Protein backbone atom coordinates (compact mmCIF):
# COMPACT_ATOMS: atom_id res chain seq x y z
CA UNK A 1 10.61 -1.34 12.26
CA UNK A 2 9.08 -4.75 11.88
CA UNK A 3 6.10 -3.60 9.94
CA UNK A 4 8.56 -1.76 7.43
CA UNK A 5 10.27 -4.99 7.01
CA UNK A 6 7.15 -6.70 6.22
CA UNK A 7 6.08 -3.95 3.69
CA UNK A 8 9.55 -4.00 2.11
CA UNK A 9 9.36 -7.96 1.67
CA UNK A 10 5.93 -7.66 0.23
CA UNK A 11 7.05 -5.28 -2.53
CA UNK A 12 10.45 -7.10 -3.13
CA UNK A 13 9.43 -10.69 -3.08
CA UNK A 14 5.72 -11.51 -3.40
CA UNK A 15 4.06 -8.32 -4.68
CA UNK A 16 0.39 -8.05 -4.76
CA UNK A 17 -1.93 -5.19 -3.78
CA UNK A 18 -3.77 -7.32 -1.34
CA UNK A 19 -0.48 -8.21 0.37
CA UNK A 20 0.73 -4.99 0.38
CA UNK A 21 -2.46 -3.56 1.98
CA UNK A 22 -2.41 -6.11 4.49
CA UNK A 23 1.21 -5.30 5.50
CA UNK A 24 0.53 -1.71 5.71
CA UNK A 25 -2.52 -2.03 7.69
CA UNK A 26 -1.56 -5.02 9.92
CA UNK A 27 0.04 -2.91 12.68
CA UNK A 28 -1.52 0.39 12.81
CA UNK A 29 -5.01 -0.01 11.84
CA UNK A 30 -7.99 -0.71 13.97
CA UNK A 31 -10.87 -2.86 12.93
CA UNK A 32 -13.10 0.22 12.28
CA UNK A 33 -10.46 1.66 9.99
CA UNK A 34 -9.89 -1.62 8.17
CA UNK A 35 -13.66 -1.84 7.79
CA UNK A 36 -13.57 1.55 6.05
CA UNK A 37 -10.95 0.27 3.69
CA UNK A 38 -13.16 -2.65 2.80
CA UNK A 39 -15.91 -0.44 2.30
CA UNK A 40 -13.95 1.90 0.07
CA UNK A 41 -12.72 -1.07 -2.18
CA UNK A 42 -16.25 -2.36 -2.33
CA UNK A 43 -17.66 1.25 -3.40
CA UNK A 44 -14.91 1.40 -5.99
CA UNK A 45 -15.65 -2.01 -7.42
CA UNK A 46 -19.37 -1.28 -7.57
CA UNK A 47 -18.49 2.11 -9.38
CA UNK A 48 -16.35 0.08 -11.94
CA UNK A 49 -19.03 -2.41 -12.41
CA UNK A 50 -21.47 0.37 -12.95
CA UNK A 51 -19.24 1.95 -15.55
CA UNK A 52 -19.02 -1.58 -17.30
CA UNK A 53 -22.72 -1.80 -17.54
CA UNK A 54 -23.06 1.47 -19.17
CA UNK A 55 -21.14 0.08 -22.24
CA UNK A 56 -23.69 -2.57 -23.04
CA UNK A 57 -26.94 -1.14 -21.66
CA UNK A 58 -29.77 -0.72 -24.04
CA UNK A 59 -31.80 2.28 -24.71
CA UNK A 60 -34.38 1.53 -22.06
CA UNK A 61 -32.13 0.84 -19.29
CA UNK A 62 -29.44 3.54 -20.15
CA UNK A 63 -31.07 6.14 -17.79
CA UNK A 64 -31.22 3.71 -14.87
CA UNK A 65 -27.56 2.78 -15.48
CA UNK A 66 -26.39 6.31 -15.65
CA UNK A 67 -28.14 6.98 -12.19
CA UNK A 68 -26.51 3.71 -10.65
CA UNK A 69 -23.13 4.92 -11.97
CA UNK A 70 -23.65 8.37 -10.39
CA UNK A 71 -24.79 6.86 -7.15
CA UNK A 72 -21.82 4.53 -7.02
CA UNK A 73 -19.42 7.35 -8.01
CA UNK A 74 -20.76 9.65 -5.17
CA UNK A 75 -20.49 6.83 -2.52
CA UNK A 76 -17.11 6.12 -3.27
CA UNK A 77 -16.23 9.93 -3.24
CA UNK A 78 -18.10 10.20 0.22
CA UNK A 79 -16.08 7.38 1.56
CA UNK A 80 -12.84 8.70 0.35
CA UNK A 81 -13.69 12.16 2.02
CA UNK A 82 -14.66 10.22 5.29
CA UNK A 83 -11.19 8.66 5.10
CA UNK A 84 -9.54 12.03 4.40
CA UNK A 85 -11.35 13.62 7.41
CA UNK A 86 -10.24 10.88 9.72
CA UNK A 87 -6.65 11.70 8.62
CA UNK A 88 -6.36 8.16 7.22
CA UNK A 89 -3.04 7.51 5.86
CA UNK A 90 -2.10 4.38 3.95
CA UNK A 91 1.38 5.10 3.07
CA UNK A 92 3.95 6.41 5.28
CA UNK A 93 7.04 7.18 2.96
CA UNK A 94 9.41 8.30 5.72
CA UNK A 95 9.21 5.08 7.55
CA UNK A 96 9.73 3.24 4.27
CA UNK A 97 12.73 5.29 3.22
CA UNK A 98 14.26 4.83 6.86
CA UNK A 99 13.78 1.06 6.38
CA UNK A 100 15.66 0.82 3.09
CA UNK A 101 18.73 2.52 4.42
């Protein structure tokens, strides 16, 4: 119940994605699972950067940029699949709804 209050407070008072993530993951996430979350965030950011680089890549570097973007995307998808296979759950709607009533 305390975790639900922390999440609700984060949403209503000082909303930011990082604060919300910390509130959600604080009580029911081990260090290994939190490390997976960090890897997923880093992979997503690397994929976004690679996509940005495609916009300003010159003709000589375009092929390398495409390969890098594809590799980053595949890594991101693989990490998401790993989280799915581990039954990773970020948001528990039932506990949030119970906490609001």
